[in-house]
Amino acid sequence: MLQKNAMWSCHFNDNTYVNIPILKKKLKDINHELPYYFGATLNQMPIIVNGEIFWYAKNGACLSRGALEKISTTILNHKFYSDFIKHDKMTGEVALGYLTSKRFTIRSPAFL
């Protein structure tokens, strides 16, 4: 369930350093009602899976409220998500990047 007042939802791996004040400052001026997916890449290059090119966040990502509302039914359906990951042999972070960009056409204009 989405928290009513949450503008952004961010997840980071436990070995990732995040400067929260700078992150908040960067996200503050972006319209959280529009669907956005931001993250940090490993090598500043998109990847290719099943012949499709897309970006994914390696060590963490932030999704705007607009993005969460767009994908929440699918992502919260654990069976669909786990079957999708198994079928295409993707890690969770790659699957999230694929779903946001290819299935839901959520903007990922910049990877930080």
C-alpha atoms as a PDB file:
ATOM      1  CA  MET A   1       0.000   0.000   0.000  1.00  0.00           C
ATOM      2  CA  LEU A   2       1.236   3.467  -0.848  1.00  0.00           C
ATOM      3  CA  GLN A   3       1.628   5.933   1.963  1.00  0.00           C
ATOM      4  CA  LYS A   4      -0.756   8.844   1.360  1.00  0.00           C
ATOM      5  CA  ASN A   5       1.761  11.681   1.650  1.00  0.00           C
ATOM      6  CA  ALA A   6       4.816  10.021   0.125  1.00  0.00           C
ATOM      7  CA  MET A   7       6.130  11.956  -2.867  1.00  0.00           C
ATOM      8  CA  TRP A   8       9.024   9.579  -3.602  1.00  0.00           C
ATOM      9  CA  SER A   9       9.954   6.041  -2.697  1.00  0.00           C
ATOM     10  CA  CYS A  10      13.645   5.195  -2.703  1.00  0.00           C
ATOM     11  CA  HIS A  11      15.397   1.885  -2.129  1.00  0.00           C
ATOM     12  CA  PHE A  12      19.146   1.441  -1.837  1.00  0.00           C
ATOM     13  CA  ASN A  13      21.360  -1.574  -1.355  1.00  0.00           C
ATOM     14  CA  ASP A  14      22.845  -1.894   2.113  1.00  0.00           C
ATOM     15  CA  ASN A  15      26.363  -1.241   0.824  1.00  0.00           C
ATOM     16  CA  THR A  16      25.442   1.996  -0.959  1.00  0.00           C
ATOM     17  CA  TYR A  17      26.224   5.404   0.524  1.00  0.00           C
ATOM     18  CA  VAL A  18      23.444   7.954  -0.016  1.00  0.00           C
ATOM     19  CA  ASN A  19      23.737  11.615   0.846  1.00  0.00           C
ATOM     20  CA  ILE A  20      20.120  12.160   1.896  1.00  0.00           C
ATOM     21  CA  PRO A  21      20.223  16.010   2.028  1.00  0.00           C
ATOM     22  CA  ILE A  22      21.543  16.186  -1.567  1.00  0.00           C
ATOM     23  CA  LEU A  23      19.053  13.546  -2.740  1.00  0.00           C
ATOM     24  CA  LYS A  24      16.169  15.490  -1.171  1.00  0.00           C
ATOM     25  CA  LYS A  25      17.397  18.692  -2.798  1.00  0.00           C
ATOM     26  CA  LYS A  26      17.570  17.042  -6.239  1.00  0.00           C
ATOM     27  CA  LEU A  27      14.120  15.459  -5.967  1.00  0.00           C
ATOM     28  CA  LYS A  28      12.394  18.524  -4.468  1.00  0.00           C
ATOM     29  CA  ASP A  29      12.150  20.405  -7.777  1.00  0.00           C
ATOM     30  CA  ILE A  30      10.875  17.446  -9.818  1.00  0.00           C
ATOM     31  CA  ASN A  31       7.126  16.987 -10.124  1.00  0.00           C
ATOM     32  CA  HIS A  32       6.445  13.825  -8.099  1.00  0.00           C
ATOM     33  CA  GLU A  33       2.977  13.502  -9.626  1.00  0.00           C
ATOM     34  CA  LEU A  34       4.532  12.592 -12.983  1.00  0.00           C
ATOM     35  CA  PRO A  35       5.967   9.089 -13.398  1.00  0.00           C
ATOM     36  CA  TYR A  36       9.755   9.149 -12.929  1.00  0.00           C
ATOM     37  CA  TYR A  37      12.345   6.459 -12.209  1.00  0.00           C
ATOM     38  CA  PHE A  38      15.817   7.647 -11.158  1.00  0.00           C
ATOM     39  CA  GLY A  39      18.857   5.698 -10.119  1.00  0.00           C
ATOM     40  CA  ALA A  40      22.582   5.217 -10.380  1.00  0.00           C
ATOM     41  CA  THR A  41      24.052   2.982 -13.057  1.00  0.00           C
ATOM     42  CA  LEU A  42      27.120   0.831 -12.780  1.00  0.00           C
ATOM     43  CA  ASN A  43      28.820   1.918 -15.990  1.00  0.00           C
ATOM     44  CA  GLN A  44      26.743   4.803 -17.443  1.00  0.00           C
ATOM     45  CA  MET A  45      25.444   2.549 -20.235  1.00  0.00           C
ATOM     46  CA  PRO A  46      22.018   1.025 -20.825  1.00  0.00           C
ATOM     47  CA  ILE A  47      21.742  -2.760 -21.032  1.00  0.00           C
ATOM     48  CA  ILE A  48      20.156  -5.047 -23.606  1.00  0.00           C
ATOM     49  CA  VAL A  49      17.809  -7.840 -22.519  1.00  0.00           C
ATOM     50  CA  ASN A  50      15.713  -9.831 -24.981  1.00  0.00           C
ATOM     51  CA  GLY A  51      16.813  -7.435 -27.717  1.00  0.00           C
ATOM     52  CA  GLU A  52      15.504  -4.360 -25.865  1.00  0.00           C
ATOM     53  CA  ILE A  53      17.683  -1.504 -24.655  1.00  0.00           C
ATOM     54  CA  PHE A  54      16.868   0.134 -21.323  1.00  0.00           C
ATOM     55  CA  TRP A  55      18.386   1.687 -18.219  1.00  0.00           C
ATOM     56  CA  TYR A  56      18.249   0.228 -14.757  1.00  0.00           C
ATOM     57  CA  ALA A  57      19.488   1.357 -11.369  1.00  0.00           C
ATOM     58  CA  LYS A  58      22.252  -0.884 -10.033  1.00  0.00           C
ATOM     59  CA  ASN A  59      22.537   0.083  -6.367  1.00  0.00           C
ATOM     60  CA  GLY A  60      19.253   1.810  -5.714  1.00  0.00           C
ATOM     61  CA  ALA A  61      16.436   3.768  -7.267  1.00  0.00           C
ATOM     62  CA  CYS A  62      13.797   6.379  -6.563  1.00  0.00           C
ATOM     63  CA  LEU A  63      10.302   6.214  -7.975  1.00  0.00           C
ATOM     64  CA  SER A  64       7.960   9.185  -7.964  1.00  0.00           C
ATOM     65  CA  ARG A  65       4.453   8.885  -6.598  1.00  0.00           C
ATOM     66  CA  GLY A  66       3.162   9.052 -10.183  1.00  0.00           C
ATOM     67  CA  ALA A  67       5.346   6.074 -11.123  1.00  0.00           C
ATOM     68  CA  LEU A  68       4.322   4.100  -8.054  1.00  0.00           C
ATOM     69  CA  GLU A  69       0.655   4.638  -8.771  1.00  0.00           C
ATOM     70  CA  LYS A  70       1.195   3.457 -12.345  1.00  0.00           C
ATOM     71  CA  ILE A  71       3.046   0.251 -11.446  1.00  0.00           C
ATOM     72  CA  SER A  72       1.810  -0.607  -7.944  1.00  0.00           C
ATOM     73  CA  THR A  73      -0.782  -3.209  -8.973  1.00  0.00           C
ATOM     74  CA  THR A  74       1.770  -5.126 -11.041  1.00  0.00           C
ATOM     75  CA  ILE A  75       4.683  -4.817  -8.628  1.00  0.00           C
ATOM     76  CA  LEU A  76       2.561  -5.716  -5.612  1.00  0.00           C
ATOM     77  CA  ASN A  77       1.363  -8.838  -7.419  1.00  0.00           C
ATOM     78  CA  HIS A  78       4.211 -10.967  -6.070  1.00  0.00           C
ATOM     79  CA  LYS A  79       3.435 -13.974  -8.289  1.00  0.00           C
ATOM     80  CA  PHE A  80       3.516 -11.921 -11.500  1.00  0.00           C
ATOM     81  CA  TYR A  81       6.736 -10.160 -10.495  1.00  0.00           C
ATOM     82  CA  SER A  82       8.562 -13.332  -9.418  1.00  0.00           C
ATOM     83  CA  ASP A  83       7.360 -15.247 -12.502  1.00  0.00           C
ATOM     84  CA  PHE A  84       8.503 -12.359 -14.707  1.00  0.00           C
ATOM     85  CA  ILE A  85      11.951 -12.350 -13.091  1.00  0.00           C
ATOM     86  CA  LYS A  86      12.313 -16.134 -13.392  1.00  0.00           C
ATOM     87  CA  HIS A  87      11.087 -16.251 -16.986  1.00  0.00           C
ATOM     88  CA  ASP A  88      13.475 -13.597 -18.244  1.00  0.00           C
ATOM     89  CA  LYS A  89      16.272 -14.474 -15.793  1.00  0.00           C
ATOM     90  CA  MET A  90      16.517 -10.905 -14.506  1.00  0.00           C
ATOM     91  CA  THR A  91      17.535  -9.676 -11.094  1.00  0.00           C
ATOM     92  CA  GLY A  92      14.919  -7.624  -9.263  1.00  0.00           C
ATOM     93  CA  GLU A  93      16.645  -4.340 -10.051  1.00  0.00           C
ATOM     94  CA  VAL A  94      16.912  -5.149 -13.769  1.00  0.00           C
ATOM     95  CA  ALA A  95      13.266  -6.275 -13.849  1.00  0.00           C
ATOM     96  CA  LEU A  96      12.164  -3.008 -12.232  1.00  0.00           C
ATOM     97  CA  GLY A  97      14.099  -1.009 -14.829  1.00  0.00           C
ATOM     98  CA  TYR A  98      12.623  -3.085 -17.642  1.00  0.00           C
ATOM     99  CA  LEU A  99       9.058  -2.834 -16.363  1.00  0.00           C
ATOM    100  CA  THR A 100       9.225   0.904 -15.720  1.00  0.00           C
ATOM    101  CA  SER A 101      10.670   1.750 -19.117  1.00  0.00           C
ATOM    102  CA  LYS A 102       9.200  -0.875 -21.447  1.00  0.00           C
ATOM    103  CA  ARG A 103       5.867  -1.927 -19.975  1.00  0.00           C
ATOM    104  CA  PHE A 104       4.815   1.328 -18.329  1.00  0.00           C
ATOM    105  CA  THR A 105       6.863   3.884 -20.325  1.00  0.00           C
ATOM    106  CA  ILE A 106       7.954   5.707 -17.184  1.00  0.00           C
ATOM    107  CA  ARG A 107      10.529   8.418 -17.731  1.00  0.00           C
ATOM    108  CA  SER A 108      14.046   7.819 -16.639  1.00  0.00           C
ATOM    109  CA  PRO A 109      15.576  11.013 -18.009  1.00  0.00           C
ATOM    110  CA  ALA A 110      18.717  10.956 -15.967  1.00  0.00           C
ATOM    111  CA  PHE A 111      20.577   8.399 -14.029  1.00  0.00           C
ATOM    112  CA  LEU A 112      22.537  10.090 -11.285  1.00  0.00           C
END
